Amino acid sequence: MELQAAILLVVSFALLLMFSVPVSYSIVASAFITITAFLTDIPKNVSTMALPEAESSITMPATTAFSASTTGE
């Protein structure tokens, strides 16, 4: 299933680029197409249960610290 999702993602991205869609819109559209095609069977409460866990992750403070250190603030 992961291979099929990856193939769909790459093919949809390439097709959108061939039709002269800007890269940023192609990324968003191909991700939306892949998510819609493969992740519709996930219950809504699973995604909302992961939000508090993501807030306590080290990634968010580390990202903030990195961006603050690179901007000189």
PDB file of N, CA and C in Angstrom:
ATOM      1  N   MET A   1       0.819  -1.193   0.000  1.00  0.00           N
ATOM      2  CA  MET A   1       0.000   0.000   0.000  1.00  0.00           C
ATOM      3  C   MET A   1       0.870   1.266   0.000  1.00  0.00           C
ATOM      4  N   GLU A   2       1.989   1.208   0.732  1.00  0.00           N
ATOM      5  CA  GLU A   2       2.859   2.376   0.763  1.00  0.00           C
ATOM      6  C   GLU A   2       3.480   2.642  -0.602  1.00  0.00           C
ATOM      7  N   LEU A   3       3.803   1.557  -1.296  1.00  0.00           N
ATOM      8  CA  LEU A   3       4.376   1.712  -2.631  1.00  0.00           C
ATOM      9  C   LEU A   3       3.358   2.326  -3.587  1.00  0.00           C
ATOM     10  N   GLN A   4       2.125   1.913  -3.496  1.00  0.00           N
ATOM     11  CA  GLN A   4       1.081   2.484  -4.352  1.00  0.00           C
ATOM     12  C   GLN A   4       0.874   3.960  -4.045  1.00  0.00           C
ATOM     13  N   ALA A   5       0.916   4.314  -2.762  1.00  0.00           N
ATOM     14  CA  ALA A   5       0.758   5.717  -2.376  1.00  0.00           C
ATOM     15  C   ALA A   5       1.926   6.552  -2.901  1.00  0.00           C
ATOM     16  N   ALA A   6       3.130   6.011  -2.807  1.00  0.00           N
ATOM     17  CA  ALA A   6       4.300   6.732  -3.302  1.00  0.00           C
ATOM     18  C   ALA A   6       4.242   6.910  -4.814  1.00  0.00           C
ATOM     19  N   ILE A   7       3.804   5.871  -5.504  1.00  0.00           N
ATOM     20  CA  ILE A   7       3.682   5.968  -6.965  1.00  0.00           C
ATOM     21  C   ILE A   7       2.639   7.008  -7.345  1.00  0.00           C
ATOM     22  N   LEU A   8       1.491   6.987  -6.664  1.00  0.00           N
ATOM     23  CA  LEU A   8       0.453   7.980  -6.951  1.00  0.00           C
ATOM     24  C   LEU A   8       0.946   9.400  -6.677  1.00  0.00           C
ATOM     25  N   LEU A   9       1.674   9.566  -5.591  1.00  0.00           N
ATOM     26  CA  LEU A   9       2.204  10.889  -5.241  1.00  0.00           C
ATOM     27  C   LEU A   9       3.149  11.416  -6.311  1.00  0.00           C
ATOM     28  N   VAL A  10       4.082  10.580  -6.742  1.00  0.00           N
ATOM     29  CA  VAL A  10       5.076  10.998  -7.734  1.00  0.00           C
ATOM     30  C   VAL A  10       4.432  11.233  -9.096  1.00  0.00           C
ATOM     31  N   VAL A  11       3.533  10.335  -9.490  1.00  0.00           N
ATOM     32  CA  VAL A  11       2.888  10.474 -10.807  1.00  0.00           C
ATOM     33  C   VAL A  11       1.999  11.699 -10.850  1.00  0.00           C
ATOM     34  N   SER A  12       1.209  11.920  -9.800  1.00  0.00           N
ATOM     35  CA  SER A  12       0.340  13.107  -9.804  1.00  0.00           C
ATOM     36  C   SER A  12       1.166  14.393  -9.781  1.00  0.00           C
ATOM     37  N   PHE A  13       2.271  14.380  -9.029  1.00  0.00           N
ATOM     38  CA  PHE A  13       3.149  15.552  -8.997  1.00  0.00           C
ATOM     39  C   PHE A  13       3.754  15.824 -10.375  1.00  0.00           C
ATOM     40  N   ALA A  14       4.221  14.768 -11.037  1.00  0.00           N
ATOM     41  CA  ALA A  14       4.820  14.927 -12.363  1.00  0.00           C
ATOM     42  C   ALA A  14       3.795  15.400 -13.385  1.00  0.00           C
ATOM     43  N   LEU A  15       2.593  14.853 -13.332  1.00  0.00           N
ATOM     44  CA  LEU A  15       1.552  15.286 -14.275  1.00  0.00           C
ATOM     45  C   LEU A  15       1.184  16.752 -14.080  1.00  0.00           C
ATOM     46  N   LEU A  16       1.070  17.170 -12.832  1.00  0.00           N
ATOM     47  CA  LEU A  16       0.752  18.574 -12.578  1.00  0.00           C
ATOM     48  C   LEU A  16       1.865  19.490 -13.075  1.00  0.00           C
ATOM     49  N   LEU A  17       3.110  19.074 -12.894  1.00  0.00           N
ATOM     50  CA  LEU A  17       4.222  19.887 -13.405  1.00  0.00           C
ATOM     51  C   LEU A  17       4.235  19.933 -14.925  1.00  0.00           C
ATOM     52  N   MET A  18       3.869  18.814 -15.574  1.00  0.00           N
ATOM     53  CA  MET A  18       3.831  18.795 -17.035  1.00  0.00           C
ATOM     54  C   MET A  18       2.745  19.713 -17.584  1.00  0.00           C
ATOM     55  N   PHE A  19       1.702  19.949 -16.784  1.00  0.00           N
ATOM     56  CA  PHE A  19       0.642  20.872 -17.197  1.00  0.00           C
ATOM     57  C   PHE A  19       0.924  22.308 -16.753  1.00  0.00           C
ATOM     58  N   SER A  20       2.162  22.589 -16.392  1.00  0.00           N
ATOM     59  CA  SER A  20       2.647  23.930 -16.019  1.00  0.00           C
ATOM     60  C   SER A  20       1.982  24.504 -14.782  1.00  0.00           C
ATOM     61  N   VAL A  21       1.609  23.625 -13.863  1.00  0.00           N
ATOM     62  CA  VAL A  21       1.104  24.082 -12.571  1.00  0.00           C
ATOM     63  C   VAL A  21       2.322  24.439 -11.727  1.00  0.00           C
ATOM     64  N   PRO A  22       2.288  25.559 -10.993  1.00  0.00           N
ATOM     65  CA  PRO A  22       3.446  25.914 -10.166  1.00  0.00           C
ATOM     66  C   PRO A  22       3.792  24.814  -9.159  1.00  0.00           C
ATOM     67  N   VAL A  23       5.055  24.764  -8.791  1.00  0.00           N
ATOM     68  CA  VAL A  23       5.554  23.683  -7.943  1.00  0.00           C
ATOM     69  C   VAL A  23       4.817  23.629  -6.609  1.00  0.00           C
ATOM     70  N   SER A  24       4.632  24.764  -5.973  1.00  0.00           N
ATOM     71  CA  SER A  24       3.982  24.762  -4.659  1.00  0.00           C
ATOM     72  C   SER A  24       2.561  24.226  -4.743  1.00  0.00           C
ATOM     73  N   TYR A  25       1.814  24.616  -5.770  1.00  0.00           N
ATOM     74  CA  TYR A  25       0.455  24.099  -5.943  1.00  0.00           C
ATOM     75  C   TYR A  25       0.482  22.611  -6.293  1.00  0.00           C
ATOM     76  N   SER A  26       1.476  22.189  -7.036  1.00  0.00           N
ATOM     77  CA  SER A  26       1.597  20.773  -7.391  1.00  0.00           C
ATOM     78  C   SER A  26       1.866  19.913  -6.173  1.00  0.00           C
ATOM     79  N   ILE A  27       2.710  20.407  -5.282  1.00  0.00           N
ATOM     80  CA  ILE A  27       2.994  19.665  -4.058  1.00  0.00           C
ATOM     81  C   ILE A  27       1.731  19.500  -3.226  1.00  0.00           C
ATOM     82  N   VAL A  28       1.017  20.589  -3.030  1.00  0.00           N
ATOM     83  CA  VAL A  28      -0.202  20.543  -2.219  1.00  0.00           C
ATOM     84  C   VAL A  28      -1.254  19.660  -2.873  1.00  0.00           C
ATOM     85  N   ALA A  29      -1.460  19.821  -4.160  1.00  0.00           N
ATOM     86  CA  ALA A  29      -2.491  19.046  -4.859  1.00  0.00           C
ATOM     87  C   ALA A  29      -2.161  17.561  -4.883  1.00  0.00           C
ATOM     88  N   SER A  30      -0.910  17.206  -5.145  1.00  0.00           N
ATOM     89  CA  SER A  30      -0.557  15.791  -5.184  1.00  0.00           C
ATOM     90  C   SER A  30      -0.635  15.168  -3.795  1.00  0.00           C
ATOM     91  N   ALA A  31      -0.270  15.917  -2.766  1.00  0.00           N
ATOM     92  CA  ALA A  31      -0.422  15.407  -1.398  1.00  0.00           C
ATOM     93  C   ALA A  31      -1.899  15.210  -1.063  1.00  0.00           C
ATOM     94  N   PHE A  32      -2.738  16.160  -1.454  1.00  0.00           N
ATOM     95  CA  PHE A  32      -4.177  16.046  -1.199  1.00  0.00           C
ATOM     96  C   PHE A  32      -4.772  14.850  -1.931  1.00  0.00           C
ATOM     97  N   ILE A  33      -4.352  14.650  -3.170  1.00  0.00           N
ATOM     98  CA  ILE A  33      -4.842  13.503  -3.951  1.00  0.00           C
ATOM     99  C   ILE A  33      -4.448  12.192  -3.269  1.00  0.00           C
ATOM    100  N   THR A  34      -3.207  12.096  -2.831  1.00  0.00           N
ATOM    101  CA  THR A  34      -2.733  10.872  -2.194  1.00  0.00           C
ATOM    102  C   THR A  34      -3.427  10.634  -0.858  1.00  0.00           C
ATOM    103  N   ILE A  35      -3.565  11.679  -0.068  1.00  0.00           N
ATOM    104  CA  ILE A  35      -4.248  11.537   1.224  1.00  0.00           C
ATOM    105  C   ILE A  35      -5.694  11.126   1.021  1.00  0.00           C
ATOM    106  N   THR A  36      -6.358  11.738   0.067  1.00  0.00           N
ATOM    107  CA  THR A  36      -7.754  11.402  -0.199  1.00  0.00           C
ATOM    108  C   THR A  36      -7.895   9.963  -0.685  1.00  0.00           C
ATOM    109  N   ALA A  37      -6.966   9.504  -1.477  1.00  0.00           N
ATOM    110  CA  ALA A  37      -7.061   8.154  -2.039  1.00  0.00           C
ATOM    111  C   ALA A  37      -6.729   7.061  -1.018  1.00  0.00           C
ATOM    112  N   PHE A  38      -5.792   7.317  -0.116  1.00  0.00           N
ATOM    113  CA  PHE A  38      -5.308   6.240   0.742  1.00  0.00           C
ATOM    114  C   PHE A  38      -5.626   6.395   2.216  1.00  0.00           C
ATOM    115  N   LEU A  39      -5.931   7.572   2.684  1.00  0.00           N
ATOM    116  CA  LEU A  39      -6.119   7.751   4.121  1.00  0.00           C
ATOM    117  C   LEU A  39      -7.558   8.063   4.514  1.00  0.00           C
ATOM    118  N   THR A  40      -8.505   7.642   3.732  1.00  0.00           N
ATOM    119  CA  THR A  40      -9.900   7.927   4.067  1.00  0.00           C
ATOM    120  C   THR A  40     -10.446   6.966   5.107  1.00  0.00           C
ATOM    121  N   ASP A  41      -9.787   5.842   5.366  1.00  0.00           N
ATOM    122  CA  ASP A  41     -10.292   4.870   6.320  1.00  0.00           C
ATOM    123  C   ASP A  41      -9.826   5.119   7.757  1.00  0.00           C
ATOM    124  N   ILE A  42      -9.066   6.179   8.003  1.00  0.00           N
ATOM    125  CA  ILE A  42      -8.610   6.498   9.351  1.00  0.00           C
ATOM    126  C   ILE A  42      -9.713   7.280  10.069  1.00  0.00           C
ATOM    127  N   PRO A  43     -10.121   6.827  11.247  1.00  0.00           N
ATOM    128  CA  PRO A  43     -11.158   7.559  11.989  1.00  0.00           C
ATOM    129  C   PRO A  43     -10.674   8.945  12.405  1.00  0.00           C
ATOM    130  N   LYS A  44     -11.588   9.868  12.533  1.00  0.00           N
ATOM    131  CA  LYS A  44     -11.229  11.250  12.871  1.00  0.00           C
ATOM    132  C   LYS A  44     -10.594  11.346  14.257  1.00  0.00           C
ATOM    133  N   ASN A  45     -11.015  10.508  15.196  1.00  0.00           N
ATOM    134  CA  ASN A  45     -10.470  10.632  16.547  1.00  0.00           C
ATOM    135  C   ASN A  45      -9.007  10.221  16.633  1.00  0.00           C
ATOM    136  N   VAL A  46      -8.505   9.452  15.694  1.00  0.00           N
ATOM    137  CA  VAL A  46      -7.091   9.070  15.705  1.00  0.00           C
ATOM    138  C   VAL A  46      -6.221  10.287  15.438  1.00  0.00           C
ATOM    139  N   SER A  47      -6.614  11.105  14.484  1.00  0.00           N
ATOM    140  CA  SER A  47      -5.809  12.286  14.178  1.00  0.00           C
ATOM    141  C   SER A  47      -5.894  13.323  15.286  1.00  0.00           C
ATOM    142  N   THR A  48      -7.033  13.429  15.967  1.00  0.00           N
ATOM    143  CA  THR A  48      -7.135  14.408  17.051  1.00  0.00           C
ATOM    144  C   THR A  48      -6.431  13.917  18.309  1.00  0.00           C
ATOM    145  N   MET A  49      -6.289  12.610  18.482  1.00  0.00           N
ATOM    146  CA  MET A  49      -5.569  12.090  19.641  1.00  0.00           C
ATOM    147  C   MET A  49      -4.080  12.353  19.519  1.00  0.00           C
ATOM    148  N   ALA A  50      -3.578  12.482  18.321  1.00  0.00           N
ATOM    149  CA  ALA A  50      -2.149  12.686  18.123  1.00  0.00           C
ATOM    150  C   ALA A  50      -1.731  14.136  18.350  1.00  0.00           C
ATOM    151  N   LEU A  51      -2.663  15.072  18.364  1.00  0.00           N
ATOM    152  CA  LEU A  51      -2.302  16.481  18.521  1.00  0.00           C
ATOM    153  C   LEU A  51      -1.650  16.789  19.867  1.00  0.00           C
ATOM    154  N   PRO A  52      -2.201  16.378  21.008  1.00  0.00           N
ATOM    155  CA  PRO A  52      -1.506  16.689  22.273  1.00  0.00           C
ATOM    156  C   PRO A  52      -0.127  16.055  22.347  1.00  0.00           C
ATOM    157  N   GLU A  53       0.038  14.887  21.776  1.00  0.00           N
ATOM    158  CA  GLU A  53       1.341  14.235  21.775  1.00  0.00           C
ATOM    159  C   GLU A  53       2.351  15.040  20.957  1.00  0.00           C
ATOM    160  N   ALA A  54       1.888  15.614  19.851  1.00  0.00           N
ATOM    161  CA  ALA A  54       2.782  16.397  18.999  1.00  0.00           C
ATOM    162  C   ALA A  54       3.199  17.701  19.674  1.00  0.00           C
ATOM    163  N   GLU A  55       2.341  18.242  20.533  1.00  0.00           N
ATOM    164  CA  GLU A  55       2.675  19.488  21.206  1.00  0.00           C
ATOM    165  C   GLU A  55       3.837  19.323  22.178  1.00  0.00           C
ATOM    166  N   SER A  56       3.961  18.149  22.765  1.00  0.00           N
ATOM    167  CA  SER A  56       5.026  17.935  23.734  1.00  0.00           C
ATOM    168  C   SER A  56       6.306  17.431  23.076  1.00  0.00           C
ATOM    169  N   SER A  57       6.309  17.380  21.787  1.00  0.00           N
ATOM    170  CA  SER A  57       7.476  16.876  21.070  1.00  0.00           C
ATOM    171  C   SER A  57       8.618  17.874  21.150  1.00  0.00           C
ATOM    172  N   ILE A  58       9.821  17.377  21.026  1.00  0.00           N
ATOM    173  CA  ILE A  58      11.007  18.237  21.064  1.00  0.00           C
ATOM    174  C   ILE A  58      11.183  19.002  19.756  1.00  0.00           C
ATOM    175  N   THR A  59      10.500  18.554  18.709  1.00  0.00           N
ATOM    176  CA  THR A  59      10.681  19.177  17.403  1.00  0.00           C
ATOM    177  C   THR A  59      10.204  20.620  17.394  1.00  0.00           C
ATOM    178  N   MET A  60       9.075  20.898  18.007  1.00  0.00           N
ATOM    179  CA  MET A  60       8.542  22.258  17.981  1.00  0.00           C
ATOM    180  C   MET A  60       9.465  23.261  18.669  1.00  0.00           C
ATOM    181  N   PRO A  61       9.923  23.018  19.905  1.00  0.00           N
ATOM    182  CA  PRO A  61      10.861  23.979  20.510  1.00  0.00           C
ATOM    183  C   PRO A  61      12.193  24.051  19.777  1.00  0.00           C
ATOM    184  N   ALA A  62      12.653  22.917  19.243  1.00  0.00           N
ATOM    185  CA  ALA A  62      13.926  22.921  18.528  1.00  0.00           C
ATOM    186  C   ALA A  62      13.830  23.750  17.256  1.00  0.00           C
ATOM    187  N   THR A  63      12.706  23.655  16.562  1.00  0.00           N
ATOM    188  CA  THR A  63      12.513  24.437  15.349  1.00  0.00           C
ATOM    189  C   THR A  63      12.477  25.921  15.673  1.00  0.00           C
ATOM    190  N   THR A  64      11.778  26.265  16.736  1.00  0.00           N
ATOM    191  CA  THR A  64      11.704  27.670  17.149  1.00  0.00           C
ATOM    192  C   THR A  64      13.082  28.198  17.531  1.00  0.00           C
ATOM    193  N   ALA A  65      13.840  27.420  18.268  1.00  0.00           N
ATOM    194  CA  ALA A  65      15.180  27.848  18.668  1.00  0.00           C
ATOM    195  C   ALA A  65      16.091  27.996  17.462  1.00  0.00           C
ATOM    196  N   PHE A  66      15.981  27.077  16.501  1.00  0.00           N
ATOM    197  CA  PHE A  66      16.818  27.159  15.317  1.00  0.00           C
ATOM    198  C   PHE A  66      16.484  28.399  14.502  1.00  0.00           C
ATOM    199  N   SER A  67      15.206  28.700  14.304  1.00  0.00           N
ATOM    200  CA  SER A  67      14.840  29.864  13.494  1.00  0.00           C
ATOM    201  C   SER A  67      15.214  31.154  14.209  1.00  0.00           C
ATOM    202  N   ALA A  68      15.135  31.163  15.522  1.00  0.00           N
ATOM    203  CA  ALA A  68      15.531  32.366  16.271  1.00  0.00           C
ATOM    204  C   ALA A  68      17.036  32.576  16.187  1.00  0.00           C
ATOM    205  N   SER A  69      17.806  31.489  16.205  1.00  0.00           N
ATOM    206  CA  SER A  69      19.258  31.635  16.177  1.00  0.00           C
ATOM    207  C   SER A  69      19.757  32.040  14.792  1.00  0.00           C
ATOM    208  N   THR A  70      19.025  31.657  13.753  1.00  0.00           N
ATOM    209  CA  THR A  70      19.475  32.002  12.400  1.00  0.00           C
ATOM    210  C   THR A  70      19.061  33.403  11.991  1.00  0.00           C
ATOM    211  N   THR A  71      18.038  33.945  12.627  1.00  0.00           N
ATOM    212  CA  THR A  71      17.603  35.298  12.271  1.00  0.00           C
ATOM    213  C   THR A  71      18.297  36.361  13.108  1.00  0.00           C
ATOM    214  N   GLY A  72      18.983  35.926  14.170  1.00  0.00           N
ATOM    215  CA  GLY A  72      19.732  36.884  14.983  1.00  0.00           C
ATOM    216  C   GLY A  72      18.890  37.539  16.053  1.00  0.00           C
ATOM    217  N   GLU A  73      17.751  36.987  16.360  1.00  0.00           N
ATOM    218  CA  GLU A  73      16.895  37.574  17.406  1.00  0.00           C
ATOM    219  C   GLU A  73      17.147  36.925  18.734  1.00  0.00           C
TER     220      GLU A  73
END
